Amino acid sequence: MREKILEIASELFLNLGFKSVTMDDIANEMGISKKTIYQHFENKTKLVEATTDYVFHFVCEGIDCIRAENNNPIAELFQINTFIKQMLKNEKASPQHQLQKYYPEIYKKLDENKFLNIHECVISNLRKGIEMGLYRESIKPEIIGRFYFLGATGIKNQDLFPLDNYTPNELMELFLEYHLRGIVTSKGEKELIKHINQN
């Protein structure tokens, strides 16, 4: 039952936001009583914390599966981008914005974990791209990895990118192209254009 609660709560939180969704909403969606939820989670804050961990690990596992396919690094980034977009396809609110505003401690912990995971993933991708001649040898993976994290999380900032003006999918696609165009070689650019045309 705990796993099912996390699954449904994740869908509702991602779709409608962490503040907007109540324990009653989750109970009604599942056709159970609030009491059943409270048997597994002491309060909403504990549920939000468990849900962010649940979603984070689900995303990490998905990315690890993509990386295990050992595709070229440009193809890998496009596959990861597609996977993340599918995860957020029903997003109508900004869950990150609400999490940061109403649950700052949970947001801080998640942000730290995201940085460690994304940074390691991007640095690995950059080094592989340099070895394959797709990325320029002169780039500094440690710094570019931090640039990437700032950009990937920055496009979620509603003050900079209001949802009324920009869709998450559009921002993710443009950011990925922006990132890659800054580091590819001429060989890498051909691979990049191929994927842009396919997408």
N, C-alpha and C. Protein backbone atom coordinates (compact mmCIF):
# COMPACT_ATOMS: atom_id res chain seq x y z
N MET A 1 0.83 -1.22 0.00
CA MET A 1 0.00 0.00 0.00
C MET A 1 0.87 1.27 0.00
N ARG A 2 1.98 1.22 0.76
CA ARG A 2 2.87 2.38 0.82
C ARG A 2 3.36 2.78 -0.57
N GLU A 3 3.77 1.76 -1.35
CA GLU A 3 4.27 2.02 -2.70
C GLU A 3 3.19 2.63 -3.59
N LYS A 4 1.96 2.14 -3.44
CA LYS A 4 0.84 2.66 -4.25
C LYS A 4 0.54 4.11 -3.88
N ILE A 5 0.61 4.42 -2.58
CA ILE A 5 0.38 5.80 -2.14
C ILE A 5 1.43 6.72 -2.75
N LEU A 6 2.69 6.28 -2.72
CA LEU A 6 3.77 7.08 -3.30
C LEU A 6 3.57 7.28 -4.81
N GLU A 7 3.13 6.24 -5.48
CA GLU A 7 2.91 6.33 -6.93
C GLU A 7 1.83 7.35 -7.27
N ILE A 8 0.69 7.26 -6.58
CA ILE A 8 -0.43 8.19 -6.84
C ILE A 8 -0.08 9.60 -6.39
N ALA A 9 0.54 9.72 -5.22
CA ALA A 9 0.92 11.05 -4.72
C ALA A 9 1.91 11.72 -5.67
N SER A 10 2.83 10.94 -6.22
CA SER A 10 3.81 11.48 -7.17
C SER A 10 3.11 12.07 -8.39
N GLU A 11 2.15 11.31 -8.93
CA GLU A 11 1.42 11.78 -10.11
C GLU A 11 0.69 13.09 -9.80
N LEU A 12 0.02 13.14 -8.67
CA LEU A 12 -0.74 14.34 -8.31
C LEU A 12 0.17 15.53 -8.02
N PHE A 13 1.24 15.29 -7.28
CA PHE A 13 2.16 16.38 -6.96
C PHE A 13 2.82 16.94 -8.22
N LEU A 14 3.25 16.07 -9.13
CA LEU A 14 3.90 16.53 -10.36
C LEU A 14 2.90 17.25 -11.27
N ASN A 15 1.66 16.79 -11.23
CA ASN A 15 0.64 17.36 -12.10
C ASN A 15 0.10 18.69 -11.57
N LEU A 16 -0.12 18.75 -10.25
CA LEU A 16 -0.82 19.90 -9.68
C LEU A 16 0.01 20.73 -8.70
N GLY A 17 1.13 20.19 -8.25
CA GLY A 17 1.99 20.93 -7.33
C GLY A 17 1.89 20.41 -5.90
N PHE A 18 2.97 20.57 -5.14
CA PHE A 18 3.04 20.04 -3.79
C PHE A 18 2.12 20.76 -2.82
N LYS A 19 1.93 22.05 -3.00
CA LYS A 19 1.07 22.82 -2.10
C LYS A 19 -0.40 22.57 -2.41
N SER A 20 -0.72 22.47 -3.70
CA SER A 20 -2.11 22.39 -4.13
C SER A 20 -2.80 21.09 -3.73
N VAL A 21 -2.06 20.00 -3.73
CA VAL A 21 -2.65 18.68 -3.47
C VAL A 21 -2.73 18.43 -1.97
N THR A 22 -3.93 18.06 -1.51
CA THR A 22 -4.14 17.77 -0.09
C THR A 22 -4.14 16.26 0.15
N MET A 23 -4.08 15.87 1.42
CA MET A 23 -4.18 14.45 1.77
C MET A 23 -5.55 13.90 1.35
N ASP A 24 -6.59 14.76 1.45
CA ASP A 24 -7.93 14.35 1.00
C ASP A 24 -7.94 14.03 -0.49
N ASP A 25 -7.24 14.86 -1.27
CA ASP A 25 -7.17 14.63 -2.72
C ASP A 25 -6.56 13.26 -3.03
N ILE A 26 -5.49 12.94 -2.33
CA ILE A 26 -4.81 11.66 -2.56
C ILE A 26 -5.71 10.51 -2.13
N ALA A 27 -6.34 10.64 -0.97
CA ALA A 27 -7.25 9.59 -0.48
C ALA A 27 -8.41 9.38 -1.46
N ASN A 28 -8.99 10.48 -1.94
CA ASN A 28 -10.11 10.38 -2.89
C ASN A 28 -9.68 9.74 -4.20
N GLU A 29 -8.50 10.11 -4.68
CA GLU A 29 -7.98 9.55 -5.93
C GLU A 29 -7.79 8.04 -5.80
N MET A 30 -7.38 7.59 -4.62
CA MET A 30 -7.11 6.17 -4.40
C MET A 30 -8.34 5.39 -3.94
N GLY A 31 -9.38 6.13 -3.53
CA GLY A 31 -10.57 5.44 -3.01
C GLY A 31 -10.32 4.82 -1.64
N ILE A 32 -9.49 5.49 -0.84
CA ILE A 32 -9.20 5.00 0.51
C ILE A 32 -9.44 6.13 1.50
N SER A 33 -9.33 5.84 2.79
CA SER A 33 -9.50 6.89 3.79
C SER A 33 -8.16 7.56 4.07
N LYS A 34 -8.25 8.79 4.57
CA LYS A 34 -7.02 9.50 4.96
C LYS A 34 -6.28 8.73 6.04
N LYS A 35 -7.04 8.04 6.87
CA LYS A 35 -6.46 7.28 7.97
C LYS A 35 -5.45 6.24 7.45
N THR A 36 -5.78 5.64 6.31
CA THR A 36 -4.88 4.64 5.71
C THR A 36 -3.56 5.28 5.31
N ILE A 37 -3.62 6.49 4.76
CA ILE A 37 -2.39 7.20 4.38
C ILE A 37 -1.57 7.51 5.63
N TYR A 38 -2.24 7.96 6.69
CA TYR A 38 -1.53 8.33 7.91
C TYR A 38 -0.92 7.12 8.63
N GLN A 39 -1.38 5.92 8.28
CA GLN A 39 -0.75 4.71 8.84
C GLN A 39 0.66 4.52 8.27
N HIS A 40 0.89 5.09 7.09
CA HIS A 40 2.19 4.94 6.42
C HIS A 40 3.03 6.21 6.49
N PHE A 41 2.36 7.37 6.59
CA PHE A 41 3.07 8.66 6.61
C PHE A 41 2.48 9.52 7.72
N GLU A 42 3.33 9.96 8.62
CA GLU A 42 2.91 10.69 9.82
C GLU A 42 2.14 11.96 9.49
N ASN A 43 2.56 12.66 8.43
CA ASN A 43 1.90 13.90 8.03
C ASN A 43 2.24 14.19 6.56
N LYS A 44 1.72 15.28 6.04
CA LYS A 44 1.94 15.59 4.62
C LYS A 44 3.41 15.86 4.33
N THR A 45 4.10 16.50 5.24
CA THR A 45 5.53 16.78 5.02
C THR A 45 6.32 15.49 4.83
N LYS A 46 6.02 14.49 5.66
CA LYS A 46 6.70 13.19 5.52
C LYS A 46 6.37 12.54 4.18
N LEU A 47 5.12 12.71 3.75
CA LEU A 47 4.71 12.15 2.45
C LEU A 47 5.42 12.88 1.31
N VAL A 48 5.51 14.20 1.40
CA VAL A 48 6.21 14.98 0.37
C VAL A 48 7.68 14.54 0.30
N GLU A 49 8.30 14.37 1.46
CA GLU A 49 9.70 13.95 1.50
C GLU A 49 9.89 12.57 0.86
N ALA A 50 9.02 11.63 1.22
CA ALA A 50 9.10 10.28 0.66
C ALA A 50 8.82 10.29 -0.84
N THR A 51 7.90 11.15 -1.26
CA THR A 51 7.55 11.22 -2.69
C THR A 51 8.70 11.78 -3.51
N THR A 52 9.37 12.81 -2.99
CA THR A 52 10.50 13.37 -3.75
C THR A 52 11.63 12.34 -3.87
N ASP A 53 11.85 11.56 -2.82
CA ASP A 53 12.85 10.48 -2.88
C ASP A 53 12.44 9.43 -3.91
N TYR A 54 11.16 9.09 -3.89
CA TYR A 54 10.61 8.07 -4.81
C TYR A 54 10.80 8.50 -6.26
N VAL A 55 10.43 9.74 -6.57
CA VAL A 55 10.55 10.24 -7.94
C VAL A 55 12.03 10.36 -8.34
N PHE A 56 12.85 10.87 -7.41
CA PHE A 56 14.28 11.03 -7.69
C PHE A 56 14.92 9.69 -8.04
N HIS A 57 14.64 8.65 -7.25
CA HIS A 57 15.23 7.33 -7.51
C HIS A 57 14.68 6.71 -8.79
N PHE A 58 13.41 6.96 -9.08
CA PHE A 58 12.82 6.46 -10.33
C PHE A 58 13.53 7.08 -11.54
N VAL A 59 13.75 8.40 -11.46
CA VAL A 59 14.44 9.10 -12.55
C VAL A 59 15.88 8.62 -12.68
N CYS A 60 16.56 8.46 -11.56
CA CYS A 60 17.95 7.99 -11.58
C CYS A 60 18.07 6.60 -12.20
N GLU A 61 17.14 5.72 -11.86
CA GLU A 61 17.15 4.36 -12.42
C GLU A 61 16.93 4.40 -13.93
N GLY A 62 16.01 5.27 -14.36
CA GLY A 62 15.75 5.41 -15.80
C GLY A 62 16.97 5.91 -16.55
N ILE A 63 17.64 6.90 -15.97
CA ILE A 63 18.85 7.46 -16.59
C ILE A 63 19.97 6.42 -16.61
N ASP A 64 20.11 5.66 -15.53
CA ASP A 64 21.14 4.61 -15.47
C ASP A 64 20.90 3.56 -16.56
N CYS A 65 19.65 3.22 -16.80
CA CYS A 65 19.32 2.24 -17.87
C CYS A 65 19.73 2.79 -19.24
N ILE A 66 19.48 4.07 -19.47
CA ILE A 66 19.86 4.70 -20.74
C ILE A 66 21.38 4.71 -20.88
N ARG A 67 22.08 5.07 -19.82
CA ARG A 67 23.54 5.12 -19.87
C ARG A 67 24.13 3.73 -20.11
N ALA A 68 23.48 2.71 -19.58
CA ALA A 68 23.97 1.33 -19.74
C ALA A 68 23.91 0.85 -21.18
N GLU A 69 23.08 1.52 -22.00
CA GLU A 69 23.01 1.14 -23.43
C GLU A 69 24.28 1.52 -24.18
N ASN A 70 25.08 2.39 -23.57
CA ASN A 70 26.40 2.76 -24.11
C ASN A 70 26.32 3.35 -25.52
N ASN A 71 25.33 4.20 -25.75
CA ASN A 71 25.23 4.90 -27.02
C ASN A 71 26.24 6.05 -27.06
N ASN A 72 26.39 6.68 -28.21
CA ASN A 72 27.30 7.83 -28.25
C ASN A 72 26.72 8.92 -27.35
N PRO A 73 27.56 9.79 -26.80
CA PRO A 73 27.10 10.71 -25.76
C PRO A 73 26.03 11.71 -26.20
N ILE A 74 26.00 12.08 -27.46
CA ILE A 74 24.96 13.00 -27.93
C ILE A 74 23.62 12.28 -27.97
N ALA A 75 23.61 11.06 -28.51
CA ALA A 75 22.39 10.25 -28.52
C ALA A 75 21.90 10.01 -27.09
N GLU A 76 22.85 9.76 -26.19
CA GLU A 76 22.52 9.50 -24.78
C GLU A 76 21.78 10.69 -24.17
N LEU A 77 22.28 11.91 -24.41
CA LEU A 77 21.63 13.09 -23.84
C LEU A 77 20.23 13.30 -24.41
N PHE A 78 20.06 13.03 -25.70
CA PHE A 78 18.73 13.15 -26.29
C PHE A 78 17.77 12.11 -25.71
N GLN A 79 18.26 10.90 -25.48
CA GLN A 79 17.42 9.86 -24.87
C GLN A 79 17.01 10.24 -23.45
N ILE A 80 17.97 10.77 -22.68
CA ILE A 80 17.67 11.19 -21.31
C ILE A 80 16.65 12.33 -21.33
N ASN A 81 16.83 13.27 -22.26
CA ASN A 81 15.90 14.39 -22.40
C ASN A 81 14.48 13.91 -22.68
N THR A 82 14.37 12.94 -23.59
CA THR A 82 13.05 12.38 -23.94
C THR A 82 12.43 11.69 -22.73
N PHE A 83 13.23 10.94 -21.99
CA PHE A 83 12.75 10.25 -20.79
C PHE A 83 12.22 11.25 -19.76
N ILE A 84 12.97 12.33 -19.52
CA ILE A 84 12.54 13.34 -18.54
C ILE A 84 11.25 14.02 -19.02
N LYS A 85 11.17 14.32 -20.31
CA LYS A 85 9.96 14.97 -20.85
C LYS A 85 8.74 14.07 -20.68
N GLN A 86 8.92 12.77 -20.87
CA GLN A 86 7.80 11.83 -20.69
C GLN A 86 7.37 11.79 -19.22
N MET A 87 8.35 11.87 -18.32
CA MET A 87 8.06 11.88 -16.88
C MET A 87 7.20 13.09 -16.51
N LEU A 88 7.45 14.22 -17.17
CA LEU A 88 6.79 15.47 -16.79
C LEU A 88 5.68 15.87 -17.76
N LYS A 89 5.23 14.92 -18.58
CA LYS A 89 4.30 15.27 -19.66
C LYS A 89 2.98 15.87 -19.18
N ASN A 90 2.55 15.53 -17.97
CA ASN A 90 1.28 16.06 -17.48
C ASN A 90 1.46 17.24 -16.52
N GLU A 91 2.68 17.73 -16.44
CA GLU A 91 2.97 18.80 -15.49
C GLU A 91 2.22 20.07 -15.86
N LYS A 92 1.33 20.52 -14.96
CA LYS A 92 0.57 21.74 -15.21
C LYS A 92 0.96 22.86 -14.23
N ALA A 93 1.65 22.48 -13.19
CA ALA A 93 2.15 23.47 -12.23
C ALA A 93 3.66 23.33 -12.19
N SER A 94 4.30 24.13 -11.38
CA SER A 94 5.74 23.97 -11.23
C SER A 94 6.01 23.33 -9.88
N PRO A 95 6.13 21.98 -9.85
CA PRO A 95 6.35 21.32 -8.56
C PRO A 95 7.63 21.78 -7.89
N GLN A 96 8.67 22.05 -8.68
CA GLN A 96 9.93 22.50 -8.10
C GLN A 96 9.74 23.84 -7.39
N HIS A 97 8.99 24.75 -8.02
CA HIS A 97 8.74 26.08 -7.45
C HIS A 97 8.00 25.95 -6.11
N GLN A 98 6.96 25.12 -6.08
CA GLN A 98 6.18 24.94 -4.85
C GLN A 98 6.99 24.22 -3.78
N LEU A 99 7.79 23.25 -4.19
CA LEU A 99 8.63 22.52 -3.24
C LEU A 99 9.61 23.49 -2.58
N GLN A 100 10.23 24.35 -3.38
CA GLN A 100 11.20 25.31 -2.87
C GLN A 100 10.55 26.31 -1.91
N LYS A 101 9.34 26.73 -2.23
CA LYS A 101 8.65 27.75 -1.44
C LYS A 101 8.07 27.20 -0.13
N TYR A 102 7.44 26.02 -0.20
CA TYR A 102 6.70 25.53 0.96
C TYR A 102 7.42 24.43 1.75
N TYR A 103 8.40 23.79 1.11
CA TYR A 103 9.16 22.73 1.79
C TYR A 103 10.66 22.94 1.54
N PRO A 104 11.22 24.06 2.01
CA PRO A 104 12.60 24.42 1.66
C PRO A 104 13.66 23.39 2.08
N GLU A 105 13.47 22.73 3.22
CA GLU A 105 14.46 21.75 3.67
C GLU A 105 14.47 20.53 2.76
N ILE A 106 13.28 20.09 2.36
CA ILE A 106 13.18 18.95 1.44
C ILE A 106 13.77 19.33 0.09
N TYR A 107 13.48 20.56 -0.36
CA TYR A 107 14.02 21.04 -1.63
C TYR A 107 15.54 21.07 -1.61
N LYS A 108 16.11 21.56 -0.49
CA LYS A 108 17.57 21.66 -0.37
C LYS A 108 18.23 20.29 -0.47
N LYS A 109 17.67 19.33 0.23
CA LYS A 109 18.21 17.96 0.20
C LYS A 109 18.11 17.38 -1.22
N LEU A 110 16.96 17.58 -1.87
CA LEU A 110 16.77 17.07 -3.23
C LEU A 110 17.74 17.75 -4.19
N ASP A 111 17.92 19.06 -4.03
CA ASP A 111 18.81 19.81 -4.91
C ASP A 111 20.26 19.31 -4.78
N GLU A 112 20.68 19.01 -3.56
CA GLU A 112 22.03 18.47 -3.34
C GLU A 112 22.20 17.12 -4.01
N ASN A 113 21.19 16.25 -3.86
CA ASN A 113 21.24 14.92 -4.49
C ASN A 113 21.23 15.03 -6.01
N LYS A 114 20.41 15.96 -6.51
CA LYS A 114 20.34 16.16 -7.96
C LYS A 114 21.68 16.62 -8.50
N PHE A 115 22.32 17.54 -7.78
CA PHE A 115 23.61 18.04 -8.24
C PHE A 115 24.63 16.91 -8.34
N LEU A 116 24.74 16.09 -7.29
CA LEU A 116 25.71 14.99 -7.29
C LEU A 116 25.45 14.03 -8.45
N ASN A 117 24.17 13.71 -8.68
CA ASN A 117 23.82 12.76 -9.73
C ASN A 117 24.03 13.34 -11.12
N ILE A 118 23.52 14.56 -11.35
CA ILE A 118 23.63 15.19 -12.67
C ILE A 118 25.09 15.49 -12.99
N HIS A 119 25.82 15.99 -12.01
CA HIS A 119 27.22 16.35 -12.23
C HIS A 119 28.04 15.13 -12.66
N GLU A 120 27.85 14.02 -11.95
CA GLU A 120 28.58 12.79 -12.29
C GLU A 120 28.20 12.30 -13.68
N CYS A 121 26.91 12.34 -13.98
CA CYS A 121 26.40 11.88 -15.28
C CYS A 121 26.95 12.73 -16.42
N VAL A 122 26.92 14.05 -16.24
CA VAL A 122 27.37 14.96 -17.30
C VAL A 122 28.89 14.86 -17.51
N ILE A 123 29.64 14.78 -16.42
CA ILE A 123 31.10 14.67 -16.56
C ILE A 123 31.46 13.39 -17.31
N SER A 124 30.80 12.29 -16.98
CA SER A 124 31.03 11.02 -17.68
C SER A 124 30.71 11.18 -19.16
N ASN A 125 29.59 11.85 -19.45
CA ASN A 125 29.17 12.08 -20.84
C ASN A 125 30.19 12.94 -21.58
N LEU A 126 30.68 13.98 -20.91
CA LEU A 126 31.65 14.89 -21.54
C LEU A 126 32.97 14.17 -21.85
N ARG A 127 33.46 13.40 -20.91
CA ARG A 127 34.72 12.68 -21.12
C ARG A 127 34.61 11.68 -22.26
N LYS A 128 33.47 11.01 -22.31
CA LYS A 128 33.23 10.05 -23.38
C LYS A 128 33.16 10.76 -24.74
N GLY A 129 32.50 11.92 -24.75
CA GLY A 129 32.38 12.70 -25.98
C GLY A 129 33.73 13.20 -26.48
N ILE A 130 34.60 13.59 -25.55
CA ILE A 130 35.95 14.04 -25.93
C ILE A 130 36.73 12.87 -26.54
N GLU A 131 36.65 11.70 -25.89
CA GLU A 131 37.36 10.51 -26.39
C GLU A 131 36.90 10.12 -27.80
N MET A 132 35.62 10.31 -28.08
CA MET A 132 35.06 9.93 -29.38
C MET A 132 35.21 11.02 -30.43
N GLY A 133 35.76 12.16 -30.03
CA GLY A 133 35.94 13.25 -30.99
C GLY A 133 34.67 14.03 -31.28
N LEU A 134 33.64 13.85 -30.44
CA LEU A 134 32.38 14.56 -30.65
C LEU A 134 32.35 15.90 -29.91
N TYR A 135 33.11 15.98 -28.80
CA TYR A 135 33.22 17.22 -28.04
C TYR A 135 34.67 17.72 -28.12
N ARG A 136 34.84 19.02 -28.04
CA ARG A 136 36.17 19.61 -28.14
C ARG A 136 37.07 19.19 -26.97
N GLU A 137 38.32 18.94 -27.27
CA GLU A 137 39.28 18.54 -26.23
C GLU A 137 39.55 19.65 -25.23
N SER A 138 39.33 20.89 -25.64
CA SER A 138 39.69 22.04 -24.79
C SER A 138 38.67 22.30 -23.67
N ILE A 139 37.50 21.65 -23.71
CA ILE A 139 36.49 21.94 -22.68
C ILE A 139 36.94 21.38 -21.33
N LYS A 140 36.46 21.98 -20.28
CA LYS A 140 36.79 21.54 -18.92
C LYS A 140 35.55 20.86 -18.31
N PRO A 141 35.53 19.52 -18.29
CA PRO A 141 34.34 18.79 -17.84
C PRO A 141 33.80 19.22 -16.47
N GLU A 142 34.70 19.48 -15.49
CA GLU A 142 34.24 19.85 -14.15
C GLU A 142 33.42 21.15 -14.17
N ILE A 143 33.89 22.11 -14.97
CA ILE A 143 33.20 23.40 -15.05
C ILE A 143 31.94 23.29 -15.90
N ILE A 144 32.05 22.63 -17.05
CA ILE A 144 30.88 22.47 -17.93
C ILE A 144 29.78 21.70 -17.21
N GLY A 145 30.16 20.72 -16.37
CA GLY A 145 29.18 19.97 -15.59
C GLY A 145 28.37 20.88 -14.67
N ARG A 146 29.05 21.87 -14.09
CA ARG A 146 28.36 22.82 -13.21
C ARG A 146 27.50 23.80 -14.01
N PHE A 147 28.02 24.23 -15.17
CA PHE A 147 27.20 25.06 -16.07
C PHE A 147 25.91 24.33 -16.43
N TYR A 148 26.06 23.05 -16.76
CA TYR A 148 24.90 22.26 -17.19
C TYR A 148 23.87 22.19 -16.07
N PHE A 149 24.33 21.92 -14.85
CA PHE A 149 23.40 21.82 -13.72
C PHE A 149 22.65 23.14 -13.51
N LEU A 150 23.38 24.26 -13.56
CA LEU A 150 22.73 25.56 -13.39
C LEU A 150 21.67 25.80 -14.46
N GLY A 151 21.99 25.45 -15.70
CA GLY A 151 21.03 25.64 -16.79
C GLY A 151 19.83 24.71 -16.68
N ALA A 152 20.10 23.44 -16.41
CA ALA A 152 19.02 22.44 -16.35
C ALA A 152 18.05 22.73 -15.21
N THR A 153 18.56 23.26 -14.09
CA THR A 153 17.67 23.60 -12.98
C THR A 153 17.12 25.03 -13.14
N GLY A 154 17.90 25.89 -13.77
CA GLY A 154 17.49 27.29 -13.96
C GLY A 154 16.27 27.45 -14.86
N ILE A 155 16.11 26.56 -15.83
CA ILE A 155 14.94 26.68 -16.73
C ILE A 155 13.64 26.33 -16.02
N LYS A 156 13.73 25.82 -14.80
CA LYS A 156 12.53 25.54 -14.00
C LYS A 156 12.10 26.77 -13.19
N ASN A 157 12.90 27.82 -13.23
CA ASN A 157 12.61 29.02 -12.46
C ASN A 157 11.45 29.78 -13.10
N GLN A 158 10.31 29.80 -12.40
CA GLN A 158 9.10 30.43 -12.96
C GLN A 158 9.22 31.94 -13.08
N ASP A 159 10.06 32.56 -12.28
CA ASP A 159 10.24 34.01 -12.40
C ASP A 159 10.92 34.35 -13.72
N LEU A 160 11.86 33.51 -14.13
CA LEU A 160 12.57 33.72 -15.40
C LEU A 160 11.79 33.19 -16.59
N PHE A 161 11.12 32.06 -16.39
CA PHE A 161 10.40 31.39 -17.48
C PHE A 161 8.96 31.08 -17.05
N PRO A 162 8.07 32.09 -17.05
CA PRO A 162 6.68 31.86 -16.63
C PRO A 162 6.02 30.78 -17.49
N LEU A 163 5.24 29.91 -16.83
CA LEU A 163 4.60 28.80 -17.54
C LEU A 163 3.64 29.28 -18.61
N ASP A 164 3.11 30.50 -18.45
CA ASP A 164 2.20 31.05 -19.46
C ASP A 164 2.92 31.35 -20.78
N ASN A 165 4.23 31.56 -20.70
CA ASN A 165 5.00 31.95 -21.89
C ASN A 165 5.88 30.83 -22.45
N TYR A 166 6.28 29.89 -21.60
CA TYR A 166 7.22 28.85 -22.02
C TYR A 166 6.76 27.47 -21.54
N THR A 167 6.82 26.49 -22.42
CA THR A 167 6.48 25.13 -21.99
C THR A 167 7.76 24.43 -21.53
N PRO A 168 7.65 23.54 -20.53
CA PRO A 168 8.83 22.80 -20.06
C PRO A 168 9.54 22.05 -21.19
N ASN A 169 8.77 21.44 -22.10
CA ASN A 169 9.38 20.68 -23.21
C ASN A 169 10.21 21.58 -24.12
N GLU A 170 9.65 22.74 -24.44
CA GLU A 170 10.36 23.69 -25.31
C GLU A 170 11.67 24.13 -24.66
N LEU A 171 11.61 24.45 -23.39
CA LEU A 171 12.81 24.90 -22.67
C LEU A 171 13.87 23.80 -22.61
N MET A 172 13.44 22.57 -22.35
CA MET A 172 14.40 21.46 -22.27
C MET A 172 15.08 21.22 -23.61
N GLU A 173 14.31 21.27 -24.68
CA GLU A 173 14.89 21.06 -26.02
C GLU A 173 15.88 22.16 -26.37
N LEU A 174 15.49 23.40 -26.13
CA LEU A 174 16.37 24.53 -26.46
C LEU A 174 17.63 24.53 -25.60
N PHE A 175 17.46 24.17 -24.31
CA PHE A 175 18.63 24.15 -23.42
C PHE A 175 19.62 23.06 -23.86
N LEU A 176 19.12 21.89 -24.22
CA LEU A 176 20.02 20.80 -24.64
C LEU A 176 20.79 21.20 -25.90
N GLU A 177 20.09 21.80 -26.86
CA GLU A 177 20.78 22.24 -28.08
C GLU A 177 21.82 23.32 -27.75
N TYR A 178 21.45 24.24 -26.88
CA TYR A 178 22.37 25.31 -26.46
C TYR A 178 23.63 24.72 -25.83
N HIS A 179 23.43 23.75 -24.93
CA HIS A 179 24.56 23.09 -24.25
C HIS A 179 25.48 22.40 -25.26
N LEU A 180 24.89 21.62 -26.16
CA LEU A 180 25.70 20.83 -27.09
C LEU A 180 26.40 21.70 -28.13
N ARG A 181 25.73 22.72 -28.62
CA ARG A 181 26.36 23.57 -29.64
C ARG A 181 27.61 24.27 -29.08
N GLY A 182 27.66 24.45 -27.78
CA GLY A 182 28.81 25.10 -27.18
C GLY A 182 30.02 24.20 -27.01
N ILE A 183 29.86 22.88 -27.20
CA ILE A 183 30.97 21.96 -26.90
C ILE A 183 31.32 21.01 -28.04
N VAL A 184 30.45 20.93 -29.07
CA VAL A 184 30.70 19.91 -30.11
C VAL A 184 31.82 20.31 -31.07
N THR A 185 32.45 19.28 -31.64
CA THR A 185 33.38 19.46 -32.76
C THR A 185 32.55 19.46 -34.04
N SER A 186 33.19 19.58 -35.20
CA SER A 186 32.45 19.52 -36.47
C SER A 186 31.81 18.14 -36.64
N LYS A 187 32.52 17.09 -36.20
CA LYS A 187 31.96 15.74 -36.23
C LYS A 187 30.74 15.65 -35.31
N GLY A 188 30.85 16.24 -34.12
CA GLY A 188 29.75 16.23 -33.17
C GLY A 188 28.56 17.04 -33.66
N GLU A 189 28.83 18.12 -34.40
CA GLU A 189 27.75 18.95 -34.91
C GLU A 189 26.87 18.18 -35.90
N LYS A 190 27.50 17.35 -36.71
CA LYS A 190 26.73 16.52 -37.65
C LYS A 190 25.80 15.57 -36.89
N GLU A 191 26.32 14.98 -35.82
CA GLU A 191 25.51 14.08 -34.99
C GLU A 191 24.39 14.85 -34.30
N LEU A 192 24.70 16.05 -33.84
CA LEU A 192 23.71 16.89 -33.18
C LEU A 192 22.58 17.24 -34.14
N ILE A 193 22.91 17.68 -35.33
CA ILE A 193 21.89 18.06 -36.32
C ILE A 193 20.99 16.88 -36.67
N LYS A 194 21.60 15.71 -36.76
CA LYS A 194 20.83 14.49 -37.05
C LYS A 194 19.74 14.28 -35.97
N HIS A 195 20.13 14.46 -34.72
CA HIS A 195 19.16 14.25 -33.63
C HIS A 195 18.13 15.37 -33.54
N ILE A 196 18.54 16.59 -33.85
CA ILE A 196 17.58 17.71 -33.86
C ILE A 196 16.51 17.44 -34.92
N ASN A 197 16.95 16.99 -36.10
CA ASN A 197 16.00 16.70 -37.18
C ASN A 197 15.07 15.54 -36.82
N GLN A 198 15.61 14.55 -36.12
CA GLN A 198 14.79 13.40 -35.73
C GLN A 198 13.75 13.78 -34.68
N ASN A 199 14.10 14.77 -33.85
CA ASN A 199 13.19 15.16 -32.77
C ASN A 199 12.24 16.29 -33.18
